[in-house]
Amino acid sequence: MLQGYLKKYIDPLIALKELLSYPLCNFVHEFFTYTRNYESGLDFADYCYSILEINKDKLTDKEFEQFDKLLITLRLSMLDYLNRWGEYISYYENILSTKNYLLTYDKSRNDPDFNKYVVYEDERYKYVHFLYAVSHRYEIIKRKFNKWLNGKNVEHLKRHQQDRLSDTELQERIESIFARLDMYLRRSQNDK
């Protein structure tokens, strides 16, 4: 559905920039989670990466990093919701070792979990790998995965999938998201 939104533009990079910018990026994520359409969320991330790759020369490094971070967190979220814990862990650890996107924190912050993500520091700040922001989910997923590996029952730990929604519930969720999106777009047009 969102790929169709991008494809209708002559230049899908323009639409991609809109969809992956605040606050629309929140609607994108919510669309996939609220409708439980997680596989489509992964497909959407892949499609966005194909657009970014084709247009890399049209993006600044900062723009590419912004979109890359959003798509990384979208992919992690979709893997989490799909209960693909092993894939989540592998992807998270790969990003942790290959991408050096940073968040800035006050130098006084000093706890062991936080310090594992510190890349470097200066006299005022600690610069932390951006995945620190989702490290709590990573730890939870590692525990779930370890329980599964040890043969323990993990059914109660799994996230519900789209097939648990009735057709009516799914349609209502889609309409609700698009109604809020339309309201936001109308309000933002009126503010201009």
Protein backbone atom coordinates (compact mmCIF):
# COMPACT_ATOMS: atom_id res chain seq x y z
CA MET A 1 0.00 0.00 0.00
CA LEU A 2 2.77 2.48 0.94
CA GLN A 3 4.93 1.27 -1.96
CA GLY A 4 2.02 2.26 -4.21
CA TYR A 5 2.13 5.72 -2.65
CA LEU A 6 5.80 6.01 -3.61
CA LYS A 7 5.32 4.57 -7.10
CA LYS A 8 2.69 7.12 -8.09
CA TYR A 9 5.29 9.90 -7.96
CA ILE A 10 7.46 10.59 -10.98
CA ASP A 11 10.31 10.99 -8.52
CA PRO A 12 9.71 8.52 -5.67
CA LEU A 13 12.62 10.07 -3.74
CA ILE A 14 10.43 13.13 -3.03
CA ALA A 15 7.67 10.94 -1.58
CA LEU A 16 10.20 8.84 0.32
CA LYS A 17 11.66 11.97 1.93
CA GLU A 18 8.17 12.99 3.05
CA LEU A 19 7.23 9.56 4.39
CA LEU A 20 10.49 9.14 6.29
CA SER A 21 10.48 12.62 7.81
CA TYR A 22 8.89 13.56 11.10
CA PRO A 23 5.99 13.24 11.83
CA LEU A 24 4.96 11.09 8.83
CA CYS A 25 7.55 8.46 9.74
CA ASN A 26 5.45 7.78 12.85
CA PHE A 27 2.39 7.08 10.67
CA VAL A 28 4.45 4.73 8.50
CA HIS A 29 5.59 2.70 11.50
CA GLU A 30 2.12 2.73 13.02
CA PHE A 31 0.56 1.58 9.75
CA PHE A 32 2.56 -1.64 9.80
CA THR A 33 2.28 -2.30 13.54
CA TYR A 34 -1.38 -1.35 14.02
CA THR A 35 -2.48 -3.43 11.02
CA ARG A 36 0.00 -6.16 11.97
CA ASN A 37 1.26 -6.10 8.40
CA TYR A 38 4.85 -6.81 9.42
CA GLU A 39 5.99 -8.64 6.27
CA SER A 40 4.89 -5.62 4.24
CA GLY A 41 6.91 -3.45 6.63
CA LEU A 42 10.02 -5.43 5.73
CA ASP A 43 9.16 -5.17 2.02
CA PHE A 44 8.61 -1.43 2.41
CA ALA A 45 12.03 -1.01 4.05
CA ASP A 46 13.66 -2.96 1.19
CA TYR A 47 11.83 -0.84 -1.38
CA CYS A 48 12.92 2.36 0.37
CA TYR A 49 16.52 1.15 0.35
CA SER A 50 16.29 0.54 -3.41
CA ILE A 51 15.12 4.15 -3.91
CA LEU A 52 17.88 5.46 -1.64
CA GLU A 53 20.53 3.42 -3.44
CA ILE A 54 19.46 4.67 -6.87
CA ASN A 55 19.42 8.27 -5.60
CA LYS A 56 22.40 8.20 -3.24
CA ASP A 57 24.14 10.97 -5.23
CA LYS A 58 21.13 13.25 -4.58
CA LEU A 59 21.34 12.87 -0.80
CA THR A 60 23.71 14.41 1.68
CA ASP A 61 25.45 12.05 4.07
CA LYS A 62 23.29 13.46 6.88
CA GLU A 63 20.06 12.81 4.93
CA PHE A 64 21.13 9.27 4.10
CA GLU A 65 22.02 8.61 7.74
CA GLN A 66 18.64 9.94 8.91
CA PHE A 67 16.73 7.67 6.51
CA ASP A 68 19.02 4.72 7.16
CA LYS A 69 18.45 4.96 10.93
CA LEU A 70 14.68 5.08 10.45
CA LEU A 71 14.72 2.07 8.12
CA ILE A 72 17.01 0.13 10.45
CA THR A 73 14.66 0.69 13.38
CA LEU A 74 11.65 -0.14 11.18
CA ARG A 75 13.30 -3.41 10.12
CA LEU A 76 14.18 -4.27 13.73
CA SER A 77 10.63 -3.53 14.81
CA MET A 78 9.15 -5.70 12.07
CA LEU A 79 11.47 -8.61 12.92
CA ASP A 80 10.48 -8.20 16.56
CA TYR A 81 6.76 -8.26 15.75
CA LEU A 82 7.24 -11.24 13.43
CA ASN A 83 8.86 -13.14 16.30
CA ARG A 84 11.98 -13.68 14.21
CA TRP A 85 14.22 -13.39 17.21
CA GLY A 86 17.34 -14.96 15.69
CA GLU A 87 17.17 -12.67 12.67
CA TYR A 88 16.58 -9.67 14.95
CA ILE A 89 19.67 -10.47 17.03
CA SER A 90 21.87 -11.05 13.95
CA TYR A 91 20.69 -7.85 12.26
CA TYR A 92 21.06 -5.79 15.45
CA GLU A 93 24.59 -7.07 16.04
CA ASN A 94 25.53 -6.51 12.39
CA ILE A 95 24.32 -2.89 12.52
CA LEU A 96 26.09 -2.39 15.85
CA SER A 97 29.39 -3.43 14.27
CA THR A 98 29.01 -1.80 10.83
CA LYS A 99 27.15 1.50 11.32
CA ASN A 100 28.58 4.21 13.49
CA TYR A 101 25.60 6.53 13.88
CA LEU A 102 25.76 8.35 17.18
CA LEU A 103 23.57 9.93 19.82
CA THR A 104 24.95 12.53 22.20
CA TYR A 105 24.52 12.27 25.97
CA ASP A 106 25.73 14.27 28.92
CA LYS A 107 29.11 13.13 30.24
CA SER A 108 27.68 12.50 33.72
CA ARG A 109 25.63 9.50 32.51
CA ASN A 110 27.41 6.46 33.85
CA ASP A 111 25.76 3.05 34.09
CA PRO A 112 27.10 -0.27 32.77
CA ASP A 113 24.38 -0.91 30.17
CA PHE A 114 24.75 2.61 28.81
CA ASN A 115 28.56 2.49 28.82
CA LYS A 116 28.53 -0.63 26.58
CA TYR A 117 27.24 1.63 23.79
CA VAL A 118 29.67 4.53 24.26
CA VAL A 119 31.77 4.90 21.11
CA TYR A 120 33.85 7.79 22.42
CA GLU A 121 33.63 10.77 24.71
CA ASP A 122 35.06 14.24 25.03
CA GLU A 123 35.23 16.69 27.93
CA ARG A 124 31.45 17.38 27.86
CA TYR A 125 29.66 14.51 26.13
CA LYS A 126 29.49 10.79 25.57
CA TYR A 127 28.77 9.70 22.01
CA VAL A 128 26.71 6.54 22.01
CA HIS A 129 25.75 4.15 19.22
CA PHE A 130 22.20 4.99 18.11
CA LEU A 131 21.02 1.42 18.79
CA TYR A 132 21.30 2.19 22.49
CA ALA A 133 17.81 3.70 22.11
CA VAL A 134 16.38 0.23 21.36
CA SER A 135 18.81 -1.84 23.44
CA HIS A 136 16.07 -2.71 25.96
CA ARG A 137 14.16 -4.58 23.19
CA TYR A 138 17.37 -6.31 22.12
CA GLU A 139 17.87 -7.62 25.66
CA ILE A 140 14.25 -8.81 25.88
CA ILE A 141 14.51 -10.56 22.51
CA LYS A 142 17.77 -12.26 23.51
CA ARG A 143 16.01 -13.66 26.59
CA LYS A 144 13.06 -14.88 24.50
CA PHE A 145 15.41 -16.47 21.98
CA ASN A 146 17.45 -18.19 24.69
CA LYS A 147 14.29 -19.63 26.24
CA TRP A 148 13.26 -20.95 22.82
CA LEU A 149 16.77 -22.42 22.24
CA ASN A 150 16.55 -24.15 25.61
CA GLY A 151 13.27 -25.80 24.62
CA LYS A 152 11.05 -23.77 26.93
CA ASN A 153 7.50 -22.81 25.99
CA VAL A 154 7.58 -19.35 24.41
CA GLU A 155 4.11 -19.20 22.86
CA HIS A 156 2.97 -16.69 25.48
CA LEU A 157 5.95 -14.46 24.56
CA LYS A 158 5.09 -14.22 20.88
CA ARG A 159 3.49 -11.18 19.35
CA HIS A 160 0.09 -11.57 17.71
CA GLN A 161 -0.02 -11.71 13.94
CA GLN A 162 -2.44 -10.21 11.43
CA ASP A 163 -4.38 -13.45 11.02
CA ARG A 164 -5.71 -12.94 14.56
CA LEU A 165 -7.60 -9.84 13.36
CA SER A 166 -10.96 -10.22 11.66
CA ASP A 167 -11.38 -8.61 8.25
CA THR A 168 -13.57 -5.97 9.89
CA GLU A 169 -10.99 -5.19 12.60
CA LEU A 170 -8.24 -4.90 10.00
CA GLN A 171 -10.30 -2.58 7.81
CA GLU A 172 -11.20 -0.42 10.82
CA ARG A 173 -7.52 -0.14 11.78
CA ILE A 174 -6.51 0.86 8.25
CA GLU A 175 -9.29 3.45 8.07
CA SER A 176 -8.35 4.81 11.50
CA ILE A 177 -4.71 5.34 10.55
CA PHE A 178 -5.55 6.98 7.24
CA ALA A 179 -8.19 9.18 8.90
CA ARG A 180 -5.58 10.44 11.38
CA LEU A 181 -3.10 10.93 8.56
CA ASP A 182 -5.65 12.89 6.52
CA MET A 183 -6.45 15.04 9.56
CA TYR A 184 -2.75 15.73 10.10
CA LEU A 185 -2.22 16.62 6.43
CA ARG A 186 -5.25 18.96 6.40
CA ARG A 187 -4.06 20.65 9.59
CA SER A 188 -0.53 21.08 8.26
CA GLN A 189 -1.90 22.57 5.01
CA ASN A 190 -3.98 25.05 7.04
CA ASP A 191 -0.91 26.06 9.05
CA LYS A 192 0.92 27.14 5.90
